[in-house]
């Protein structure tokens, strides 16, 4: 196998894996472990952003990590958990 630093994931021959191969692999593995929802590589991107936000990362920092030029795009990617929203309210609102 060739060592090719240009690719993060490489096939048996050292070349890059196709988008379609990775997409099918993620869907297959998701089904094997019993994920009920549709899972694709893009799901990881949404999950990454949501975990960052729910653990206190600034939305602007998440925007930069995802490479978005418009913060409204980043807001689509993030889903704040209701429990976290309640904690934020309790911590920062004077009448909470």
PDB file of N, CA and C in Angstrom:
ATOM      1  N   UNK A   1       0.834  -1.170   0.000  1.00  0.00           N
ATOM      2  CA  UNK A   1       0.000   0.000   0.000  1.00  0.00           C
ATOM      3  C   UNK A   1       0.887   1.245   0.000  1.00  0.00           C
ATOM      4  N   UNK A   2       0.518   2.189  -0.833  1.00  0.00           N
ATOM      5  CA  UNK A   2       1.254   3.442  -0.891  1.00  0.00           C
ATOM      6  C   UNK A   2       0.857   4.326   0.285  1.00  0.00           C
ATOM      7  N   UNK A   3       1.827   5.079   0.765  1.00  0.00           N
ATOM      8  CA  UNK A   3       1.553   6.063   1.803  1.00  0.00           C
ATOM      9  C   UNK A   3       1.295   7.386   1.099  1.00  0.00           C
ATOM     10  N   UNK A   4       0.048   7.851   1.127  1.00  0.00           N
ATOM     11  CA  UNK A   4      -0.301   9.064   0.415  1.00  0.00           C
ATOM     12  C   UNK A   4      -0.843  10.093   1.400  1.00  0.00           C
ATOM     13  N   UNK A   5      -0.045  11.098   1.781  1.00  0.00           N
ATOM     14  CA  UNK A   5      -0.487  12.073   2.778  1.00  0.00           C
ATOM     15  C   UNK A   5      -1.569  13.030   2.270  1.00  0.00           C
ATOM     16  N   UNK A   6      -1.907  12.977   0.986  1.00  0.00           N
ATOM     17  CA  UNK A   6      -2.923  13.881   0.438  1.00  0.00           C
ATOM     18  C   UNK A   6      -4.334  13.468   0.829  1.00  0.00           C
ATOM     19  N   UNK A   7      -4.526  12.213   1.206  1.00  0.00           N
ATOM     20  CA  UNK A   7      -5.866  11.722   1.482  1.00  0.00           C
ATOM     21  C   UNK A   7      -5.992  11.284   2.934  1.00  0.00           C
ATOM     22  N   UNK A   8      -7.120  11.632   3.547  1.00  0.00           N
ATOM     23  CA  UNK A   8      -7.381  11.242   4.931  1.00  0.00           C
ATOM     24  C   UNK A   8      -7.766   9.775   5.005  1.00  0.00           C
ATOM     25  N   UNK A   9      -8.629   9.346   4.109  1.00  0.00           N
ATOM     26  CA  UNK A   9      -9.026   7.945   4.011  1.00  0.00           C
ATOM     27  C   UNK A   9      -8.495   7.405   2.697  1.00  0.00           C
ATOM     28  N   UNK A  10      -7.823   6.268   2.760  1.00  0.00           N
ATOM     29  CA  UNK A  10      -7.272   5.681   1.540  1.00  0.00           C
ATOM     30  C   UNK A  10      -7.777   4.263   1.360  1.00  0.00           C
ATOM     31  N   UNK A  11      -7.862   3.851   0.110  1.00  0.00           N
ATOM     32  CA  UNK A  11      -8.272   2.501  -0.215  1.00  0.00           C
ATOM     33  C   UNK A  11      -7.093   1.541  -0.127  1.00  0.00           C
ATOM     34  N   UNK A  12      -7.333   0.301  -0.476  1.00  0.00           N
ATOM     35  CA  UNK A  12      -6.292  -0.723  -0.408  1.00  0.00           C
ATOM     36  C   UNK A  12      -5.081  -0.385  -1.264  1.00  0.00           C
ATOM     37  N   UNK A  13      -5.316   0.267  -2.391  1.00  0.00           N
ATOM     38  CA  UNK A  13      -4.217   0.615  -3.283  1.00  0.00           C
ATOM     39  C   UNK A  13      -3.532   1.923  -2.950  1.00  0.00           C
ATOM     40  N   UNK A  14      -3.979   2.598  -1.892  1.00  0.00           N
ATOM     41  CA  UNK A  14      -3.364   3.851  -1.490  1.00  0.00           C
ATOM     42  C   UNK A  14      -4.036   5.087  -2.075  1.00  0.00           C
ATOM     43  N   UNK A  15      -5.006   4.894  -2.946  1.00  0.00           N
ATOM     44  CA  UNK A  15      -5.727   6.023  -3.527  1.00  0.00           C
ATOM     45  C   UNK A  15      -6.878   6.472  -2.639  1.00  0.00           C
ATOM     46  N   UNK A  16      -7.462   7.578  -3.024  1.00  0.00           N
ATOM     47  CA  UNK A  16      -8.569   8.107  -2.214  1.00  0.00           C
ATOM     48  C   UNK A  16      -9.820   7.240  -2.362  1.00  0.00           C
ATOM     49  N   UNK A  17     -10.623   7.259  -1.326  1.00  0.00           N
ATOM     50  CA  UNK A  17     -11.919   6.594  -1.372  1.00  0.00           C
ATOM     51  C   UNK A  17     -12.918   7.564  -1.984  1.00  0.00           C
ATOM     52  N   UNK A  18     -13.830   7.058  -2.755  1.00  0.00           N
ATOM     53  CA  UNK A  18     -14.820   7.924  -3.400  1.00  0.00           C
ATOM     54  C   UNK A  18     -15.862   8.388  -2.384  1.00  0.00           C
ATOM     55  N   UNK A  19     -16.505   9.509  -2.695  1.00  0.00           N
ATOM     56  CA  UNK A  19     -17.596  10.021  -1.848  1.00  0.00           C
ATOM     57  C   UNK A  19     -18.691   8.976  -1.725  1.00  0.00           C
ATOM     58  N   UNK A  20     -18.995   8.336  -2.836  1.00  0.00           N
ATOM     59  CA  UNK A  20     -20.075   7.348  -2.848  1.00  0.00           C
ATOM     60  C   UNK A  20     -19.736   6.157  -1.950  1.00  0.00           C
ATOM     61  N   UNK A  21     -18.489   5.709  -1.973  1.00  0.00           N
ATOM     62  CA  UNK A  21     -18.080   4.590  -1.123  1.00  0.00           C
ATOM     63  C   UNK A  21     -18.246   4.946   0.353  1.00  0.00           C
ATOM     64  N   UNK A  22     -17.773   6.121   0.751  1.00  0.00           N
ATOM     65  CA  UNK A  22     -17.867   6.543   2.156  1.00  0.00           C
ATOM     66  C   UNK A  22     -19.333   6.701   2.551  1.00  0.00           C
ATOM     67  N   UNK A  23     -20.137   7.288   1.683  1.00  0.00           N
ATOM     68  CA  UNK A  23     -21.553   7.484   1.958  1.00  0.00           C
ATOM     69  C   UNK A  23     -22.247   6.139   2.198  1.00  0.00           C
ATOM     70  N   UNK A  24     -22.001   5.178   1.325  1.00  0.00           N
ATOM     71  CA  UNK A  24     -22.605   3.851   1.468  1.00  0.00           C
ATOM     72  C   UNK A  24     -22.109   3.147   2.730  1.00  0.00           C
ATOM     73  N   UNK A  25     -20.827   3.296   3.030  1.00  0.00           N
ATOM     74  CA  UNK A  25     -20.247   2.671   4.215  1.00  0.00           C
ATOM     75  C   UNK A  25     -20.883   3.214   5.493  1.00  0.00           C
ATOM     76  N   UNK A  26     -21.031   4.519   5.579  1.00  0.00           N
ATOM     77  CA  UNK A  26     -21.633   5.132   6.763  1.00  0.00           C
ATOM     78  C   UNK A  26     -23.087   4.666   6.918  1.00  0.00           C
ATOM     79  N   UNK A  27     -23.835   4.652   5.831  1.00  0.00           N
ATOM     80  CA  UNK A  27     -25.229   4.185   5.897  1.00  0.00           C
ATOM     81  C   UNK A  27     -25.293   2.732   6.350  1.00  0.00           C
ATOM     82  N   UNK A  28     -24.419   1.900   5.800  1.00  0.00           N
ATOM     83  CA  UNK A  28     -24.400   0.479   6.146  1.00  0.00           C
ATOM     84  C   UNK A  28     -24.056   0.285   7.623  1.00  0.00           C
ATOM     85  N   UNK A  29     -23.019   0.977   8.095  1.00  0.00           N
ATOM     86  CA  UNK A  29     -22.611   0.842   9.492  1.00  0.00           C
ATOM     87  C   UNK A  29     -23.680   1.379  10.440  1.00  0.00           C
ATOM     88  N   UNK A  30     -24.331   2.476  10.051  1.00  0.00           N
ATOM     89  CA  UNK A  30     -25.420   3.011  10.861  1.00  0.00           C
ATOM     90  C   UNK A  30     -26.548   2.000  11.015  1.00  0.00           C
ATOM     91  N   UNK A  31     -26.877   1.338   9.936  1.00  0.00           N
ATOM     92  CA  UNK A  31     -27.930   0.309   9.982  1.00  0.00           C
ATOM     93  C   UNK A  31     -27.491  -0.876  10.841  1.00  0.00           C
ATOM     94  N   UNK A  32     -26.214  -1.248  10.742  1.00  0.00           N
ATOM     95  CA  UNK A  32     -25.710  -2.395  11.508  1.00  0.00           C
ATOM     96  C   UNK A  32     -25.762  -2.155  13.011  1.00  0.00           C
ATOM     97  N   UNK A  33     -25.557  -0.915  13.430  1.00  0.00           N
ATOM     98  CA  UNK A  33     -25.581  -0.643  14.872  1.00  0.00           C
ATOM     99  C   UNK A  33     -26.968  -0.211  15.346  1.00  0.00           C
ATOM    100  N   UNK A  34     -27.926  -0.236  14.436  1.00  0.00           N
ATOM    101  CA  UNK A  34     -29.309  -0.004  14.822  1.00  0.00           C
ATOM    102  C   UNK A  34     -29.761   1.441  14.871  1.00  0.00           C
ATOM    103  N   UNK A  35     -29.079   2.328  14.171  1.00  0.00           N
ATOM    104  CA  UNK A  35     -29.557   3.708  14.128  1.00  0.00           C
ATOM    105  C   UNK A  35     -30.896   3.748  13.413  1.00  0.00           C
ATOM    106  N   UNK A  36     -31.846   4.381  14.037  1.00  0.00           N
ATOM    107  CA  UNK A  36     -33.184   4.427  13.459  1.00  0.00           C
ATOM    108  C   UNK A  36     -33.290   5.484  12.366  1.00  0.00           C
ATOM    109  N   UNK A  37     -32.563   6.559  12.523  1.00  0.00           N
ATOM    110  CA  UNK A  37     -32.628   7.646  11.555  1.00  0.00           C
ATOM    111  C   UNK A  37     -31.619   7.441  10.433  1.00  0.00           C
ATOM    112  N   UNK A  38     -31.908   8.060   9.321  1.00  0.00           N
ATOM    113  CA  UNK A  38     -31.047   8.055   8.153  1.00  0.00           C
ATOM    114  C   UNK A  38     -29.703   8.670   8.517  1.00  0.00           C
ATOM    115  N   UNK A  39     -28.607   7.982   8.254  1.00  0.00           N
ATOM    116  CA  UNK A  39     -27.281   8.442   8.646  1.00  0.00           C
ATOM    117  C   UNK A  39     -26.382   8.528   7.420  1.00  0.00           C
ATOM    118  N   UNK A  40     -25.763   9.684   7.232  1.00  0.00           N
ATOM    119  CA  UNK A  40     -24.805   9.900   6.147  1.00  0.00           C
ATOM    120  C   UNK A  40     -23.582  10.590   6.726  1.00  0.00           C
ATOM    121  N   UNK A  41     -22.504  10.722   5.968  1.00  0.00           N
ATOM    122  CA  UNK A  41     -21.346  11.464   6.477  1.00  0.00           C
ATOM    123  C   UNK A  41     -21.707  12.900   6.884  1.00  0.00           C
ATOM    124  N   UNK A  42     -22.685  13.484   6.208  1.00  0.00           N
ATOM    125  CA  UNK A  42     -23.088  14.852   6.545  1.00  0.00           C
ATOM    126  C   UNK A  42     -23.729  14.919   7.936  1.00  0.00           C
ATOM    127  N   UNK A  43     -24.284  13.810   8.394  1.00  0.00           N
ATOM    128  CA  UNK A  43     -24.843  13.733   9.735  1.00  0.00           C
ATOM    129  C   UNK A  43     -23.763  14.023  10.771  1.00  0.00           C
ATOM    130  N   UNK A  44     -22.542  13.553  10.513  1.00  0.00           N
ATOM    131  CA  UNK A  44     -21.432  13.800  11.432  1.00  0.00           C
ATOM    132  C   UNK A  44     -21.134  15.295  11.552  1.00  0.00           C
ATOM    133  N   UNK A  45     -21.271  16.010  10.467  1.00  0.00           N
ATOM    134  CA  UNK A  45     -21.026  17.454  10.463  1.00  0.00           C
ATOM    135  C   UNK A  45     -22.061  18.171  11.352  1.00  0.00           C
ATOM    136  N   UNK A  46     -23.327  17.796  11.193  1.00  0.00           N
ATOM    137  CA  UNK A  46     -24.378  18.375  12.031  1.00  0.00           C
ATOM    138  C   UNK A  46     -24.155  18.020  13.505  1.00  0.00           C
ATOM    139  N   UNK A  47     -23.810  16.764  13.760  1.00  0.00           N
ATOM    140  CA  UNK A  47     -23.589  16.310  15.131  1.00  0.00           C
ATOM    141  C   UNK A  47     -22.410  17.035  15.767  1.00  0.00           C
ATOM    142  N   UNK A  48     -21.332  17.205  15.012  1.00  0.00           N
ATOM    143  CA  UNK A  48     -20.148  17.926  15.480  1.00  0.00           C
ATOM    144  C   UNK A  48     -20.538  19.326  15.932  1.00  0.00           C
ATOM    145  N   UNK A  49     -21.273  20.043  15.086  1.00  0.00           N
ATOM    146  CA  UNK A  49     -21.675  21.418  15.397  1.00  0.00           C
ATOM    147  C   UNK A  49     -22.608  21.463  16.606  1.00  0.00           C
ATOM    148  N   UNK A  50     -23.549  20.544  16.678  1.00  0.00           N
ATOM    149  CA  UNK A  50     -24.498  20.523  17.787  1.00  0.00           C
ATOM    150  C   UNK A  50     -23.801  20.225  19.109  1.00  0.00           C
ATOM    151  N   UNK A  51     -22.881  19.270  19.113  1.00  0.00           N
ATOM    152  CA  UNK A  51     -22.134  18.954  20.341  1.00  0.00           C
ATOM    153  C   UNK A  51     -21.310  20.147  20.796  1.00  0.00           C
ATOM    154  N   UNK A  52     -20.682  20.835  19.866  1.00  0.00           N
ATOM    155  CA  UNK A  52     -19.911  22.026  20.234  1.00  0.00           C
ATOM    156  C   UNK A  52     -20.806  23.063  20.894  1.00  0.00           C
ATOM    157  N   UNK A  53     -21.936  23.352  20.277  1.00  0.00           N
ATOM    158  CA  UNK A  53     -22.852  24.358  20.805  1.00  0.00           C
ATOM    159  C   UNK A  53     -23.394  23.949  22.170  1.00  0.00           C
ATOM    160  N   UNK A  54     -23.811  22.709  22.295  1.00  0.00           N
ATOM    161  CA  UNK A  54     -24.384  22.239  23.558  1.00  0.00           C
ATOM    162  C   UNK A  54     -23.364  22.146  24.683  1.00  0.00           C
ATOM    163  N   UNK A  55     -22.089  22.191  24.345  1.00  0.00           N
ATOM    164  CA  UNK A  55     -21.048  22.155  25.372  1.00  0.00           C
ATOM    165  C   UNK A  55     -20.373  23.510  25.554  1.00  0.00           C
ATOM    166  N   UNK A  56     -21.048  24.557  25.096  1.00  0.00           N
ATOM    167  CA  UNK A  56     -20.603  25.904  25.406  1.00  0.00           C
ATOM    168  C   UNK A  56     -19.777  26.629  24.368  1.00  0.00           C
ATOM    169  N   UNK A  57     -19.542  26.038  23.219  1.00  0.00           N
ATOM    170  CA  UNK A  57     -18.763  26.730  22.187  1.00  0.00           C
ATOM    171  C   UNK A  57     -19.562  27.900  21.623  1.00  0.00           C
ATOM    172  N   UNK A  58     -18.859  28.945  21.298  1.00  0.00           N
ATOM    173  CA  UNK A  58     -19.466  30.132  20.711  1.00  0.00           C
ATOM    174  C   UNK A  58     -19.891  29.841  19.276  1.00  0.00           C
ATOM    175  N   UNK A  59     -21.045  30.370  18.879  1.00  0.00           N
ATOM    176  CA  UNK A  59     -21.556  30.130  17.530  1.00  0.00           C
ATOM    177  C   UNK A  59     -20.584  30.627  16.461  1.00  0.00           C
ATOM    178  N   UNK A  60     -19.926  31.737  16.718  1.00  0.00           N
ATOM    179  CA  UNK A  60     -18.945  32.282  15.757  1.00  0.00           C
ATOM    180  C   UNK A  60     -17.767  31.320  15.587  1.00  0.00           C
ATOM    181  N   UNK A  61     -17.312  30.707  16.668  1.00  0.00           N
ATOM    182  CA  UNK A  61     -16.220  29.729  16.582  1.00  0.00           C
ATOM    183  C   UNK A  61     -16.651  28.511  15.768  1.00  0.00           C
ATOM    184  N   UNK A  62     -17.878  28.062  15.981  1.00  0.00           N
ATOM    185  CA  UNK A  62     -18.400  26.926  15.222  1.00  0.00           C
ATOM    186  C   UNK A  62     -18.478  27.285  13.746  1.00  0.00           C
ATOM    187  N   UNK A  63     -18.909  28.494  13.457  1.00  0.00           N
ATOM    188  CA  UNK A  63     -18.971  28.971  12.069  1.00  0.00           C
ATOM    189  C   UNK A  63     -17.606  28.852  11.407  1.00  0.00           C
ATOM    190  N   UNK A  64     -16.575  29.287  12.107  1.00  0.00           N
ATOM    191  CA  UNK A  64     -15.222  29.219  11.544  1.00  0.00           C
ATOM    192  C   UNK A  64     -14.759  27.778  11.361  1.00  0.00           C
ATOM    193  N   UNK A  65     -15.051  26.925  12.330  1.00  0.00           N
ATOM    194  CA  UNK A  65     -14.655  25.510  12.225  1.00  0.00           C
ATOM    195  C   UNK A  65     -15.329  24.814  11.051  1.00  0.00           C
ATOM    196  N   UNK A  66     -16.577  25.186  10.779  1.00  0.00           N
ATOM    197  CA  UNK A  66     -17.302  24.562   9.672  1.00  0.00           C
ATOM    198  C   UNK A  66     -16.995  25.223   8.329  1.00  0.00           C
ATOM    199  N   UNK A  67     -16.355  26.388   8.365  1.00  0.00           N
ATOM    200  CA  UNK A  67     -16.002  27.068   7.125  1.00  0.00           C
ATOM    201  C   UNK A  67     -17.162  27.797   6.468  1.00  0.00           C
ATOM    202  N   UNK A  68     -18.136  28.204   7.272  1.00  0.00           N
ATOM    203  CA  UNK A  68     -19.286  28.924   6.726  1.00  0.00           C
ATOM    204  C   UNK A  68     -18.982  30.415   6.613  1.00  0.00           C
ATOM    205  N   UNK A  69     -19.373  31.019   5.508  1.00  0.00           N
ATOM    206  CA  UNK A  69     -19.173  32.460   5.361  1.00  0.00           C
ATOM    207  C   UNK A  69     -20.321  33.235   6.018  1.00  0.00           C
ATOM    208  N   UNK A  70     -21.479  32.610   6.161  1.00  0.00           N
ATOM    209  CA  UNK A  70     -22.652  33.261   6.747  1.00  0.00           C
ATOM    210  C   UNK A  70     -23.084  32.509   8.006  1.00  0.00           C
ATOM    211  N   UNK A  71     -23.213  33.221   9.103  1.00  0.00           N
ATOM    212  CA  UNK A  71     -23.551  32.576  10.377  1.00  0.00           C
ATOM    213  C   UNK A  71     -24.948  31.947  10.356  1.00  0.00           C
ATOM    214  N   UNK A  72     -25.825  32.419   9.487  1.00  0.00           N
ATOM    215  CA  UNK A  72     -27.162  31.812   9.410  1.00  0.00           C
ATOM    216  C   UNK A  72     -27.078  30.370   8.911  1.00  0.00           C
ATOM    217  N   UNK A  73     -26.072  30.060   8.116  1.00  0.00           N
ATOM    218  CA  UNK A  73     -25.854  28.678   7.682  1.00  0.00           C
ATOM    219  C   UNK A  73     -25.476  27.820   8.878  1.00  0.00           C
ATOM    220  N   UNK A  74     -24.630  28.348   9.750  1.00  0.00           N
ATOM    221  CA  UNK A  74     -24.206  27.618  10.943  1.00  0.00           C
ATOM    222  C   UNK A  74     -25.396  27.355  11.852  1.00  0.00           C
ATOM    223  N   UNK A  75     -26.299  28.310  11.955  1.00  0.00           N
ATOM    224  CA  UNK A  75     -27.470  28.143  12.815  1.00  0.00           C
ATOM    225  C   UNK A  75     -28.342  26.979  12.348  1.00  0.00           C
ATOM    226  N   UNK A  76     -28.370  26.712  11.070  1.00  0.00           N
ATOM    227  CA  UNK A  76     -29.132  25.584  10.533  1.00  0.00           C
ATOM    228  C   UNK A  76     -28.522  24.267  11.025  1.00  0.00           C
ATOM    229  N   UNK A  77     -27.210  24.236  11.152  1.00  0.00           N
ATOM    230  CA  UNK A  77     -26.499  23.022  11.534  1.00  0.00           C
ATOM    231  C   UNK A  77     -26.646  22.669  13.006  1.00  0.00           C
ATOM    232  N   UNK A  78     -26.967  23.635  13.821  1.00  0.00           N
ATOM    233  CA  UNK A  78     -26.938  23.414  15.262  1.00  0.00           C
ATOM    234  C   UNK A  78     -28.339  23.293  15.832  1.00  0.00           C
ATOM    235  N   UNK A  79     -28.486  22.349  16.710  1.00  0.00           N
ATOM    236  CA  UNK A  79     -29.746  22.148  17.419  1.00  0.00           C
ATOM    237  C   UNK A  79     -29.427  22.159  18.906  1.00  0.00           C
ATOM    238  N   UNK A  80     -29.897  23.179  19.587  1.00  0.00           N
ATOM    239  CA  UNK A  80     -29.608  23.261  21.020  1.00  0.00           C
ATOM    240  C   UNK A  80     -30.619  22.401  21.777  1.00  0.00           C
ATOM    241  N   UNK A  81     -30.123  21.621  22.685  1.00  0.00           N
ATOM    242  CA  UNK A  81     -30.982  20.744  23.479  1.00  0.00           C
ATOM    243  C   UNK A  81     -31.800  21.590  24.451  1.00  0.00           C
ATOM    244  N   UNK A  82     -33.042  21.190  24.677  1.00  0.00           N
ATOM    245  CA  UNK A  82     -33.933  21.922  25.562  1.00  0.00           C
ATOM    246  C   UNK A  82     -33.338  22.034  26.967  1.00  0.00           C
ATOM    247  N   UNK A  83     -32.711  20.987  27.458  1.00  0.00           N
ATOM    248  CA  UNK A  83     -32.085  21.029  28.791  1.00  0.00           C
ATOM    249  C   UNK A  83     -31.007  22.110  28.842  1.00  0.00           C
ATOM    250  N   UNK A  84     -30.213  22.210  27.796  1.00  0.00           N
ATOM    251  CA  UNK A  84     -29.166  23.235  27.761  1.00  0.00           C
ATOM    252  C   UNK A  84     -29.775  24.625  27.716  1.00  0.00           C
ATOM    253  N   UNK A  85     -30.856  24.778  27.000  1.00  0.00           N
ATOM    254  CA  UNK A  85     -31.525  26.063  26.912  1.00  0.00           C
ATOM    255  C   UNK A  85     -32.046  26.487  28.294  1.00  0.00           C
ATOM    256  N   UNK A  86     -32.600  25.548  29.029  1.00  0.00           N
ATOM    257  CA  UNK A  86     -33.072  25.840  30.385  1.00  0.00           C
ATOM    258  C   UNK A  86     -31.916  26.235  31.300  1.00  0.00           C
ATOM    259  N   UNK A  87     -30.781  25.555  31.174  1.00  0.00           N
ATOM    260  CA  UNK A  87     -29.610  25.882  31.995  1.00  0.00           C
ATOM    261  C   UNK A  87     -29.075  27.276  31.667  1.00  0.00           C
ATOM    262  N   UNK A  88     -29.048  27.603  30.400  1.00  0.00           N
ATOM    263  CA  UNK A  88     -28.575  28.931  29.980  1.00  0.00           C
ATOM    264  C   UNK A  88     -29.486  30.005  30.561  1.00  0.00           C
ATOM    265  N   UNK A  89     -30.783  29.777  30.464  1.00  0.00           N
ATOM    266  CA  UNK A  89     -31.748  30.731  31.013  1.00  0.00           C
ATOM    267  C   UNK A  89     -31.539  30.886  32.524  1.00  0.00           C
ATOM    268  N   UNK A  90     -31.447  29.765  33.225  1.00  0.00           N
ATOM    269  CA  UNK A  90     -31.294  29.798  34.679  1.00  0.00           C
ATOM    270  C   UNK A  90     -29.997  30.495  35.097  1.00  0.00           C
ATOM    271  N   UNK A  91     -28.963  30.327  34.326  1.00  0.00           N
ATOM    272  CA  UNK A  91     -27.656  30.899  34.673  1.00  0.00           C
ATOM    273  C   UNK A  91     -27.570  32.395  34.362  1.00  0.00           C
ATOM    274  N   UNK A  92     -28.224  32.833  33.304  1.00  0.00           N
ATOM    275  CA  UNK A  92     -27.983  34.188  32.820  1.00  0.00           C
ATOM    276  C   UNK A  92     -29.142  35.163  32.994  1.00  0.00           C
ATOM    277  N   UNK A  93     -30.333  34.698  33.302  1.00  0.00           N
ATOM    278  CA  UNK A  93     -31.455  35.618  33.438  1.00  0.00           C
ATOM    279  C   UNK A  93     -31.663  35.953  34.917  1.00  0.00           C
ATOM    280  N   UNK A  94     -31.783  37.243  35.240  1.00  0.00           N
ATOM    281  CA  UNK A  94     -31.880  37.640  36.651  1.00  0.00           C
ATOM    282  C   UNK A  94     -33.145  37.143  37.363  1.00  0.00           C
ATOM    283  N   UNK A  95     -34.187  36.818  36.626  1.00  0.00           N
ATOM    284  CA  UNK A  95     -35.435  36.357  37.265  1.00  0.00           C
ATOM    285  C   UNK A  95     -35.637  34.849  37.149  1.00  0.00           C
ATOM    286  N   UNK A  96     -34.612  34.154  36.774  1.00  0.00           N
ATOM    287  CA  UNK A  96     -34.733  32.698  36.595  1.00  0.00           C
ATOM    288  C   UNK A  96     -34.814  31.996  37.930  1.00  0.00           C
TER     289      UNK A  96
END
